[in-house]
C-alpha atoms as a PDB file:
ATOM      1  CA  UNK A   1      46.037 146.694 179.701  1.00  0.00           C
ATOM      2  CA  UNK A   2      47.722 143.307 179.291  1.00  0.00           C
ATOM      3  CA  UNK A   3      51.277 143.367 180.618  1.00  0.00           C
ATOM      4  CA  UNK A   4      53.938 141.261 178.923  1.00  0.00           C
ATOM      5  CA  UNK A   5      57.031 140.201 180.826  1.00  0.00           C
ATOM      6  CA  UNK A   6      60.449 140.957 179.388  1.00  0.00           C
ATOM      7  CA  UNK A   7      61.183 137.230 179.036  1.00  0.00           C
ATOM      8  CA  UNK A   8      58.037 136.659 176.972  1.00  0.00           C
ATOM      9  CA  UNK A   9      58.818 139.725 174.856  1.00  0.00           C
ATOM     10  CA  UNK A  10      62.308 138.370 174.234  1.00  0.00           C
ATOM     11  CA  UNK A  11      60.891 135.028 173.093  1.00  0.00           C
ATOM     12  CA  UNK A  12      58.443 136.765 170.754  1.00  0.00           C
ATOM     13  CA  UNK A  13      61.166 138.972 169.261  1.00  0.00           C
ATOM     14  CA  UNK A  14      63.540 136.030 168.768  1.00  0.00           C
ATOM     15  CA  UNK A  15      60.793 134.030 167.072  1.00  0.00           C
ATOM     16  CA  UNK A  16      59.979 136.963 164.809  1.00  0.00           C
ATOM     17  CA  UNK A  17      63.678 137.222 163.958  1.00  0.00           C
ATOM     18  CA  UNK A  18      63.903 133.534 163.005  1.00  0.00           C
ATOM     19  CA  UNK A  19      60.752 133.778 160.876  1.00  0.00           C
ATOM     20  CA  UNK A  20      62.037 136.928 159.176  1.00  0.00           C
ATOM     21  CA  UNK A  21      65.382 135.357 158.302  1.00  0.00           C
ATOM     22  CA  UNK A  22      63.555 132.279 156.968  1.00  0.00           C
ATOM     23  CA  UNK A  23      61.248 134.476 154.895  1.00  0.00           C
ATOM     24  CA  UNK A  24      64.321 136.060 153.332  1.00  0.00           C
ATOM     25  CA  UNK A  25      65.364 132.692 151.875  1.00  0.00           C
ATOM     26  CA  UNK A  26      61.941 132.144 150.323  1.00  0.00           C
ATOM     27  CA  UNK A  27      61.704 135.663 148.883  1.00  0.00           C
ATOM     28  CA  UNK A  28      65.103 135.386 147.246  1.00  0.00           C
ATOM     29  CA  UNK A  29      64.352 131.898 145.935  1.00  0.00           C
ATOM     30  CA  UNK A  30      61.154 133.123 144.294  1.00  0.00           C
ATOM     31  CA  UNK A  31      62.746 136.317 143.018  1.00  0.00           C
ATOM     32  CA  UNK A  32      65.865 134.772 141.500  1.00  0.00           C
ATOM     33  CA  UNK A  33      63.764 132.158 139.723  1.00  0.00           C
ATOM     34  CA  UNK A  34      63.040 134.784 137.084  1.00  0.00           C
ATOM     35  CA  UNK A  35      65.558 137.467 138.050  1.00  0.00           C
ATOM     36  CA  UNK A  36      69.240 137.779 138.817  1.00  0.00           C
ATOM     37  CA  UNK A  37      71.327 137.830 141.986  1.00  0.00           C
ATOM     38  CA  UNK A  38      72.936 141.203 141.270  1.00  0.00           C
ATOM     39  CA  UNK A  39      69.584 142.948 141.252  1.00  0.00           C
ATOM     40  CA  UNK A  40      68.471 141.003 144.339  1.00  0.00           C
ATOM     41  CA  UNK A  41      71.456 142.105 146.430  1.00  0.00           C
ATOM     42  CA  UNK A  42      71.102 145.726 145.305  1.00  0.00           C
ATOM     43  CA  UNK A  43      67.394 146.011 146.108  1.00  0.00           C
ATOM     44  CA  UNK A  44      67.771 144.238 149.465  1.00  0.00           C
ATOM     45  CA  UNK A  45      70.611 146.586 150.445  1.00  0.00           C
ATOM     46  CA  UNK A  46      68.581 149.656 149.503  1.00  0.00           C
ATOM     47  CA  UNK A  47      65.744 148.392 151.696  1.00  0.00           C
ATOM     48  CA  UNK A  48      68.174 147.839 154.582  1.00  0.00           C
ATOM     49  CA  UNK A  49      69.522 151.392 154.261  1.00  0.00           C
ATOM     50  CA  UNK A  50      66.046 152.927 154.140  1.00  0.00           C
ATOM     51  CA  UNK A  51      64.529 150.864 156.961  1.00  0.00           C
ATOM     52  CA  UNK A  52      67.484 151.380 159.304  1.00  0.00           C
ATOM     53  CA  UNK A  53      68.569 154.857 158.194  1.00  0.00           C
ATOM     54  CA  UNK A  54      65.271 156.734 158.318  1.00  0.00           C
ATOM     55  CA  UNK A  55      64.454 155.746 161.938  1.00  0.00           C
ATOM     56  CA  UNK A  56      68.026 156.665 162.904  1.00  0.00           C
ATOM     57  CA  UNK A  57      67.566 160.169 161.479  1.00  0.00           C
ATOM     58  CA  UNK A  58      64.254 160.543 163.360  1.00  0.00           C
ATOM     59  CA  UNK A  59      65.182 159.016 166.713  1.00  0.00           C
ATOM     60  CA  UNK A  60      68.642 160.527 167.106  1.00  0.00           C
ATOM     61  CA  UNK A  61      69.754 164.152 167.030  1.00  0.00           C
ATOM     62  CA  UNK A  62      72.581 165.578 164.983  1.00  0.00           C
ATOM     63  CA  UNK A  63      75.530 165.613 164.857  1.00  0.00           C
ATOM     64  CA  UNK A  64      75.188 161.947 163.993  1.00  0.00           C
ATOM     65  CA  UNK A  65      78.944 161.509 164.093  1.00  0.00           C
ATOM     66  CA  UNK A  66      78.628 161.743 167.893  1.00  0.00           C
ATOM     67  CA  UNK A  67      76.843 158.399 167.843  1.00  0.00           C
ATOM     68  CA  UNK A  68      80.095 156.677 166.934  1.00  0.00           C
ATOM     69  CA  UNK A  69      83.689 156.395 167.959  1.00  0.00           C
ATOM     70  CA  UNK A  70      86.305 155.791 165.257  1.00  0.00           C
ATOM     71  CA  UNK A  71      86.551 152.183 166.417  1.00  0.00           C
ATOM     72  CA  UNK A  72      82.787 151.540 166.445  1.00  0.00           C
ATOM     73  CA  UNK A  73      82.328 153.122 163.013  1.00  0.00           C
ATOM     74  CA  UNK A  74      85.110 150.988 161.539  1.00  0.00           C
ATOM     75  CA  UNK A  75      83.763 147.868 163.262  1.00  0.00           C
ATOM     76  CA  UNK A  76      80.212 148.287 161.960  1.00  0.00           C
ATOM     77  CA  UNK A  77      81.553 149.146 158.503  1.00  0.00           C
ATOM     78  CA  UNK A  78      83.597 145.937 158.496  1.00  0.00           C
ATOM     79  CA  UNK A  79      80.525 143.980 159.637  1.00  0.00           C
ATOM     80  CA  UNK A  80      78.567 145.453 156.737  1.00  0.00           C
ATOM     81  CA  UNK A  81      81.175 144.484 154.168  1.00  0.00           C
ATOM     82  CA  UNK A  82      81.552 140.965 155.582  1.00  0.00           C
ATOM     83  CA  UNK A  83      77.929 140.077 156.383  1.00  0.00           C
ATOM     84  CA  UNK A  84      75.688 142.293 154.286  1.00  0.00           C
ATOM     85  CA  UNK A  85      77.798 142.539 151.134  1.00  0.00           C
ATOM     86  CA  UNK A  86      80.133 139.581 150.596  1.00  0.00           C
ATOM     87  CA  UNK A  87      78.164 136.934 152.522  1.00  0.00           C
ATOM     88  CA  UNK A  88      74.836 138.032 151.085  1.00  0.00           C
ATOM     89  CA  UNK A  89      76.106 138.004 147.495  1.00  0.00           C
ATOM     90  CA  UNK A  90      77.413 134.457 147.926  1.00  0.00           C
ATOM     91  CA  UNK A  91      74.324 133.316 149.823  1.00  0.00           C
ATOM     92  CA  UNK A  92      71.940 134.593 147.145  1.00  0.00           C
ATOM     93  CA  UNK A  93      74.059 132.898 144.458  1.00  0.00           C
ATOM     94  CA  UNK A  94      73.726 129.638 146.380  1.00  0.00           C
ATOM     95  CA  UNK A  95      69.952 130.023 146.852  1.00  0.00           C
ATOM     96  CA  UNK A  96      69.557 130.473 143.110  1.00  0.00           C
ATOM     97  CA  UNK A  97      71.843 127.514 142.320  1.00  0.00           C
ATOM     98  CA  UNK A  98      70.803 124.813 144.813  1.00  0.00           C
ATOM     99  CA  UNK A  99      67.747 126.239 146.578  1.00  0.00           C
ATOM    100  CA  UNK A 100      66.804 127.662 149.953  1.00  0.00           C
ATOM    101  CA  UNK A 101      66.492 124.361 151.819  1.00  0.00           C
ATOM    102  CA  UNK A 102      70.010 123.204 150.989  1.00  0.00           C
ATOM    103  CA  UNK A 103      71.577 126.643 151.448  1.00  0.00           C
ATOM    104  CA  UNK A 104      70.106 127.477 154.861  1.00  0.00           C
ATOM    105  CA  UNK A 105      71.723 124.601 156.834  1.00  0.00           C
ATOM    106  CA  UNK A 106      75.119 125.457 155.326  1.00  0.00           C
ATOM    107  CA  UNK A 107      74.670 129.114 156.273  1.00  0.00           C
ATOM    108  CA  UNK A 108      73.712 128.036 159.813  1.00  0.00           C
ATOM    109  CA  UNK A 109      77.201 126.545 160.147  1.00  0.00           C
ATOM    110  CA  UNK A 110      78.479 130.118 160.554  1.00  0.00           C
ATOM    111  CA  UNK A 111      78.614 129.511 164.311  1.00  0.00           C
ATOM    112  CA  UNK A 112      81.280 126.890 163.657  1.00  0.00           C
ATOM    113  CA  UNK A 113      83.470 129.477 161.946  1.00  0.00           C
ATOM    114  CA  UNK A 114      82.670 132.075 164.606  1.00  0.00           C
ATOM    115  CA  UNK A 115      83.956 129.577 167.167  1.00  0.00           C
ATOM    116  CA  UNK A 116      87.156 129.072 165.173  1.00  0.00           C
ATOM    117  CA  UNK A 117      87.662 132.840 164.991  1.00  0.00           C
ATOM    118  CA  UNK A 118      87.142 133.137 168.744  1.00  0.00           C
ATOM    119  CA  UNK A 119      89.654 130.369 169.441  1.00  0.00           C
ATOM    120  CA  UNK A 120      92.284 131.797 167.084  1.00  0.00           C
ATOM    121  CA  UNK A 121      91.790 135.535 167.619  1.00  0.00           C
ATOM    122  CA  UNK A 122      90.494 135.695 171.181  1.00  0.00           C
ATOM    123  CA  UNK A 123      92.447 132.698 172.472  1.00  0.00           C
ATOM    124  CA  UNK A 124      89.352 130.935 173.751  1.00  0.00           C
ATOM    125  CA  UNK A 125      89.551 127.199 174.476  1.00  0.00           C
ATOM    126  CA  UNK A 126      87.763 124.405 172.605  1.00  0.00           C
ATOM    127  CA  UNK A 127      85.538 122.593 175.097  1.00  0.00           C
ATOM    128  CA  UNK A 128      84.029 119.129 174.796  1.00  0.00           C
ATOM    129  CA  UNK A 129      80.602 120.703 174.303  1.00  0.00           C
ATOM    130  CA  UNK A 130      81.987 122.861 171.498  1.00  0.00           C
ATOM    131  CA  UNK A 131      83.435 119.767 169.859  1.00  0.00           C
ATOM    132  CA  UNK A 132      80.147 117.855 170.124  1.00  0.00           C
ATOM    133  CA  UNK A 133      78.258 120.708 168.480  1.00  0.00           C
ATOM    134  CA  UNK A 134      80.849 120.923 165.692  1.00  0.00           C
ATOM    135  CA  UNK A 135      80.500 117.186 165.030  1.00  0.00           C
ATOM    136  CA  UNK A 136      76.729 117.601 164.686  1.00  0.00           C
ATOM    137  CA  UNK A 137      77.151 120.500 162.273  1.00  0.00           C
ATOM    138  CA  UNK A 138      79.590 118.544 160.135  1.00  0.00           C
ATOM    139  CA  UNK A 139      77.222 115.567 160.175  1.00  0.00           C
ATOM    140  CA  UNK A 140      74.345 117.731 159.016  1.00  0.00           C
ATOM    141  CA  UNK A 141      76.473 119.271 156.261  1.00  0.00           C
ATOM    142  CA  UNK A 142      77.424 115.780 155.089  1.00  0.00           C
ATOM    143  CA  UNK A 143      73.747 114.976 154.549  1.00  0.00           C
ATOM    144  CA  UNK A 144      73.364 118.306 152.748  1.00  0.00           C
ATOM    145  CA  UNK A 145      76.241 117.412 150.432  1.00  0.00           C
ATOM    146  CA  UNK A 146      74.598 114.074 149.531  1.00  0.00           C
ATOM    147  CA  UNK A 147      71.288 115.748 148.878  1.00  0.00           C
ATOM    148  CA  UNK A 148      72.987 118.482 146.824  1.00  0.00           C
ATOM    149  CA  UNK A 149      74.567 115.841 144.609  1.00  0.00           C
ATOM    150  CA  UNK A 150      71.187 114.107 144.163  1.00  0.00           C
ATOM    151  CA  UNK A 151      69.392 117.362 143.408  1.00  0.00           C
ATOM    152  CA  UNK A 152      71.840 119.057 141.052  1.00  0.00           C
ATOM    153  CA  UNK A 153      73.402 116.123 139.184  1.00  0.00           C
ATOM    154  CA  UNK A 154      73.296 112.525 140.452  1.00  0.00           C
ATOM    155  CA  UNK A 155      76.345 111.701 138.361  1.00  0.00           C
ATOM    156  CA  UNK A 156      78.649 114.408 139.669  1.00  0.00           C
ATOM    157  CA  UNK A 157      81.757 113.556 141.636  1.00  0.00           C
ATOM    158  CA  UNK A 158      82.459 114.302 145.296  1.00  0.00           C
ATOM    159  CA  UNK A 159      84.805 117.066 144.143  1.00  0.00           C
ATOM    160  CA  UNK A 160      82.080 118.658 142.011  1.00  0.00           C
ATOM    161  CA  UNK A 161      79.637 118.497 144.922  1.00  0.00           C
ATOM    162  CA  UNK A 162      82.224 120.147 147.146  1.00  0.00           C
ATOM    163  CA  UNK A 163      82.621 122.921 144.596  1.00  0.00           C
ATOM    164  CA  UNK A 164      78.846 123.479 144.635  1.00  0.00           C
ATOM    165  CA  UNK A 165      78.838 123.810 148.432  1.00  0.00           C
ATOM    166  CA  UNK A 166      81.935 126.008 148.471  1.00  0.00           C
ATOM    167  CA  UNK A 167      79.918 129.176 147.804  1.00  0.00           C
ATOM    168  CA  UNK A 168      77.521 128.904 150.798  1.00  0.00           C
ATOM    169  CA  UNK A 169      80.393 127.714 153.021  1.00  0.00           C
ATOM    170  CA  UNK A 170      82.411 130.843 152.229  1.00  0.00           C
ATOM    171  CA  UNK A 171      79.264 132.890 152.916  1.00  0.00           C
ATOM    172  CA  UNK A 172      79.018 131.171 156.313  1.00  0.00           C
ATOM    173  CA  UNK A 173      82.646 132.106 157.034  1.00  0.00           C
ATOM    174  CA  UNK A 174      81.930 135.795 156.455  1.00  0.00           C
ATOM    175  CA  UNK A 175      78.700 135.641 158.470  1.00  0.00           C
ATOM    176  CA  UNK A 176      80.707 134.034 161.272  1.00  0.00           C
ATOM    177  CA  UNK A 177      83.066 137.021 161.259  1.00  0.00           C
ATOM    178  CA  UNK A 178      80.220 139.552 161.363  1.00  0.00           C
ATOM    179  CA  UNK A 179      79.286 139.167 165.095  1.00  0.00           C
ATOM    180  CA  UNK A 180      82.888 139.801 166.135  1.00  0.00           C
ATOM    181  CA  UNK A 181      82.837 143.200 164.436  1.00  0.00           C
ATOM    182  CA  UNK A 182      79.340 143.972 165.758  1.00  0.00           C
ATOM    183  CA  UNK A 183      80.355 143.125 169.332  1.00  0.00           C
ATOM    184  CA  UNK A 184      83.321 145.491 169.033  1.00  0.00           C
ATOM    185  CA  UNK A 185      81.041 148.286 167.852  1.00  0.00           C
ATOM    186  CA  UNK A 186      78.478 147.725 170.594  1.00  0.00           C
ATOM    187  CA  UNK A 187      81.224 147.586 173.235  1.00  0.00           C
ATOM    188  CA  UNK A 188      82.203 151.106 172.181  1.00  0.00           C
ATOM    189  CA  UNK A 189      78.765 152.331 173.218  1.00  0.00           C
ATOM    190  CA  UNK A 190      77.153 152.714 169.783  1.00  0.00           C
ATOM    191  CA  UNK A 191      73.479 151.721 169.617  1.00  0.00           C
ATOM    192  CA  UNK A 192      72.448 148.952 167.243  1.00  0.00           C
ATOM    193  CA  UNK A 193      70.184 151.073 164.997  1.00  0.00           C
ATOM    194  CA  UNK A 194      72.899 153.586 164.016  1.00  0.00           C
ATOM    195  CA  UNK A 195      75.319 150.673 163.772  1.00  0.00           C
ATOM    196  CA  UNK A 196      72.968 148.790 161.459  1.00  0.00           C
ATOM    197  CA  UNK A 197      72.657 151.921 159.325  1.00  0.00           C
ATOM    198  CA  UNK A 198      76.435 152.095 158.909  1.00  0.00           C
ATOM    199  CA  UNK A 199      76.519 148.383 158.104  1.00  0.00           C
ATOM    200  CA  UNK A 200      73.873 148.711 155.387  1.00  0.00           C
ATOM    201  CA  UNK A 201      75.293 151.926 153.923  1.00  0.00           C
ATOM    202  CA  UNK A 202      78.842 150.583 153.788  1.00  0.00           C
ATOM    203  CA  UNK A 203      77.658 147.329 152.238  1.00  0.00           C
ATOM    204  CA  UNK A 204      75.694 149.239 149.585  1.00  0.00           C
ATOM    205  CA  UNK A 205      78.649 151.463 148.685  1.00  0.00           C
ATOM    206  CA  UNK A 206      80.908 148.435 148.576  1.00  0.00           C
ATOM    207  CA  UNK A 207      78.511 146.553 146.329  1.00  0.00           C
ATOM    208  CA  UNK A 208      78.124 149.480 143.934  1.00  0.00           C
ATOM    209  CA  UNK A 209      81.924 149.740 143.785  1.00  0.00           C
ATOM    210  CA  UNK A 210      82.066 146.022 143.009  1.00  0.00           C
ATOM    211  CA  UNK A 211      79.550 146.463 140.168  1.00  0.00           C
ATOM    212  CA  UNK A 212      81.565 149.350 138.721  1.00  0.00           C
ATOM    213  CA  UNK A 213      84.844 147.427 138.842  1.00  0.00           C
ATOM    214  CA  UNK A 214      83.290 144.289 137.316  1.00  0.00           C
ATOM    215  CA  UNK A 215      81.299 146.370 134.800  1.00  0.00           C
ATOM    216  CA  UNK A 216      78.077 144.774 135.953  1.00  0.00           C
ATOM    217  CA  UNK A 217      76.129 147.917 136.801  1.00  0.00           C
ATOM    218  CA  UNK A 218      74.038 147.480 133.659  1.00  0.00           C
ATOM    219  CA  UNK A 219      72.513 144.326 135.170  1.00  0.00           C
ATOM    220  CA  UNK A 220      70.530 146.403 137.652  1.00  0.00           C
ATOM    221  CA  UNK A 221      66.907 146.731 136.597  1.00  0.00           C
ATOM    222  CA  UNK A 222      64.782 147.957 139.486  1.00  0.00           C
ATOM    223  CA  UNK A 223      61.455 147.566 137.701  1.00  0.00           C
ATOM    224  CA  UNK A 224      61.618 143.861 136.973  1.00  0.00           C
ATOM    225  CA  UNK A 225      58.972 141.297 137.787  1.00  0.00           C
ATOM    226  CA  UNK A 226      61.075 140.041 140.691  1.00  0.00           C
ATOM    227  CA  UNK A 227      61.544 143.388 142.434  1.00  0.00           C
ATOM    228  CA  UNK A 228      58.627 142.806 144.789  1.00  0.00           C
ATOM    229  CA  UNK A 229      60.240 139.614 146.055  1.00  0.00           C
ATOM    230  CA  UNK A 230      63.549 141.406 146.562  1.00  0.00           C
ATOM    231  CA  UNK A 231      61.819 144.163 148.535  1.00  0.00           C
ATOM    232  CA  UNK A 232      60.229 141.440 150.644  1.00  0.00           C
ATOM    233  CA  UNK A 233      63.692 140.006 151.231  1.00  0.00           C
ATOM    234  CA  UNK A 234      65.021 143.415 152.239  1.00  0.00           C
ATOM    235  CA  UNK A 235      62.194 143.990 154.700  1.00  0.00           C
ATOM    236  CA  UNK A 236      62.652 140.483 156.109  1.00  0.00           C
ATOM    237  CA  UNK A 237      66.381 140.871 156.729  1.00  0.00           C
ATOM    238  CA  UNK A 238      65.957 144.254 158.412  1.00  0.00           C
ATOM    239  CA  UNK A 239      63.167 142.956 160.640  1.00  0.00           C
ATOM    240  CA  UNK A 240      65.306 139.907 161.400  1.00  0.00           C
ATOM    241  CA  UNK A 241      68.317 141.944 162.481  1.00  0.00           C
ATOM    242  CA  UNK A 242      66.320 144.387 164.607  1.00  0.00           C
ATOM    243  CA  UNK A 243      64.255 141.638 166.253  1.00  0.00           C
ATOM    244  CA  UNK A 244      67.352 139.581 167.011  1.00  0.00           C
ATOM    245  CA  UNK A 245      69.253 142.397 168.691  1.00  0.00           C
ATOM    246  CA  UNK A 246      66.143 143.658 170.488  1.00  0.00           C
ATOM    247  CA  UNK A 247      65.464 140.138 171.819  1.00  0.00           C
ATOM    248  CA  UNK A 248      68.878 140.090 173.464  1.00  0.00           C
ATOM    249  CA  UNK A 249      67.878 143.222 175.377  1.00  0.00           C
ATOM    250  CA  UNK A 250      64.934 141.447 177.021  1.00  0.00           C
ATOM    251  CA  UNK A 251      65.844 137.759 177.249  1.00  0.00           C
ATOM    252  CA  UNK A 252      69.019 135.809 178.016  1.00  0.00           C
ATOM    253  CA  UNK A 253      71.179 134.325 175.295  1.00  0.00           C
ATOM    254  CA  UNK A 254      70.153 130.786 176.324  1.00  0.00           C
ATOM    255  CA  UNK A 255      66.596 131.655 175.287  1.00  0.00           C
ATOM    256  CA  UNK A 256      67.251 133.778 172.200  1.00  0.00           C
ATOM    257  CA  UNK A 257      69.911 131.705 170.417  1.00  0.00           C
ATOM    258  CA  UNK A 258      68.015 128.379 170.226  1.00  0.00           C
ATOM    259  CA  UNK A 259      64.996 130.182 168.786  1.00  0.00           C
ATOM    260  CA  UNK A 260      67.098 132.049 166.233  1.00  0.00           C
ATOM    261  CA  UNK A 261      68.853 128.859 165.140  1.00  0.00           C
ATOM    262  CA  UNK A 262      65.490 127.432 164.089  1.00  0.00           C
ATOM    263  CA  UNK A 263      65.759 129.298 160.767  1.00  0.00           C
ATOM    264  CA  UNK A 264      66.763 126.255 158.626  1.00  0.00           C
ATOM    265  CA  UNK A 265      63.832 124.227 159.956  1.00  0.00           C
ATOM    266  CA  UNK A 266      61.455 127.121 159.340  1.00  0.00           C
ATOM    267  CA  UNK A 267      62.759 127.360 155.774  1.00  0.00           C
ATOM    268  CA  UNK A 268      61.850 123.692 155.258  1.00  0.00           C
ATOM    269  CA  UNK A 269      58.343 124.164 156.677  1.00  0.00           C
ATOM    270  CA  UNK A 270      57.673 127.384 154.764  1.00  0.00           C
ATOM    271  CA  UNK A 271      58.977 125.818 151.561  1.00  0.00           C
ATOM    272  CA  UNK A 272      56.509 122.940 151.939  1.00  0.00           C
ATOM    273  CA  UNK A 273      53.680 125.390 152.495  1.00  0.00           C
ATOM    274  CA  UNK A 274      54.420 128.128 149.962  1.00  0.00           C
ATOM    275  CA  UNK A 275      56.989 127.111 147.338  1.00  0.00           C
ATOM    276  CA  UNK A 276      56.211 125.045 144.231  1.00  0.00           C
ATOM    277  CA  UNK A 277      57.840 121.606 144.054  1.00  0.00           C
ATOM    278  CA  UNK A 278      59.811 122.588 140.941  1.00  0.00           C
ATOM    279  CA  UNK A 279      61.774 125.155 142.977  1.00  0.00           C
ATOM    280  CA  UNK A 280      62.444 123.226 146.173  1.00  0.00           C
ATOM    281  CA  UNK A 281      62.991 119.531 146.748  1.00  0.00           C
ATOM    282  CA  UNK A 282      61.922 118.836 150.320  1.00  0.00           C
ATOM    283  CA  UNK A 283      62.218 115.343 151.790  1.00  0.00           C
ATOM    284  CA  UNK A 284      63.108 113.675 155.077  1.00  0.00           C
ATOM    285  CA  UNK A 285      66.854 113.942 154.366  1.00  0.00           C
ATOM    286  CA  UNK A 286      66.612 117.706 153.934  1.00  0.00           C
ATOM    287  CA  UNK A 287      64.601 118.026 157.142  1.00  0.00           C
ATOM    288  CA  UNK A 288      66.986 115.766 159.043  1.00  0.00           C
ATOM    289  CA  UNK A 289      70.073 117.679 157.923  1.00  0.00           C
ATOM    290  CA  UNK A 290      68.446 120.961 158.935  1.00  0.00           C
ATOM    291  CA  UNK A 291      67.526 119.535 162.351  1.00  0.00           C
ATOM    292  CA  UNK A 292      71.038 118.191 162.995  1.00  0.00           C
ATOM    293  CA  UNK A 293      72.662 121.492 162.002  1.00  0.00           C
ATOM    294  CA  UNK A 294      70.186 123.433 164.170  1.00  0.00           C
ATOM    295  CA  UNK A 295      71.031 121.297 167.216  1.00  0.00           C
ATOM    296  CA  UNK A 296      74.758 121.556 166.553  1.00  0.00           C
ATOM    297  CA  UNK A 297      74.651 125.317 165.951  1.00  0.00           C
ATOM    298  CA  UNK A 298      72.630 125.814 169.129  1.00  0.00           C
ATOM    299  CA  UNK A 299      75.063 123.747 171.193  1.00  0.00           C
ATOM    300  CA  UNK A 300      78.061 125.647 169.832  1.00  0.00           C
ATOM    301  CA  UNK A 301      76.386 129.041 170.325  1.00  0.00           C
ATOM    302  CA  UNK A 302      75.298 128.397 173.917  1.00  0.00           C
ATOM    303  CA  UNK A 303      78.606 126.843 174.940  1.00  0.00           C
ATOM    304  CA  UNK A 304      80.417 129.926 173.641  1.00  0.00           C
END
């Protein structure tokens, strides 16, 4: 039997994670072309609950409450609300509005906000390497803003372009907060699979509550023509999360993080291969912005 080293397994898992997260962008782009974001978020969350919850019930023995401490349960619940509910809703809105290629580099800037949170909340210091990575991210986002203006409305003002990018930037802020909560939960001794189940379940309950309050529950139509794409997005995100966390068990952060940060570039490549030109505008500026953000995000992640 062929033996695979832990380092190689870590690389494979990290690569699978990056591909899965990239596939999510494409699935949602295709689905929301004829569907709506509300339905997309709901179906993706249901897939997350099923794909994380069922293995948890099989692999772990009851009482399942013993898998958590009060702190870990609250931490994973907060991560679910921040990353799986709020950030995902905003991210899907952005994918529908400006496309996957322009949204993914902005979302990748979440490491910038995670760094800010660490400096403010954990009293970490801002190093020169951190600063260099942040400059690269901001540079990449500047190119994204120009391309967004050219794609959506060449005549719009800088302020209007900023408003367009506000949605994915806020999503990146919430995604940046998610790892802090997850790290707290893992530090309490809770395994990632039960933790991911709590994240998905809490996010789903939160989203349903949001639909009830906003009287939008009637927008949910599971049997639409886009449902298959949303299911694909749900499978992709779950595979992405599990592969990412599993990769960290086998390979060092310096190997896993650069591979995971390749997601924006993979979105560009996959868009060229599989998406029609009417949905995604891919040119050298889009590719360059994605590359610059990837380098900056990697630098910031590894220096942290």
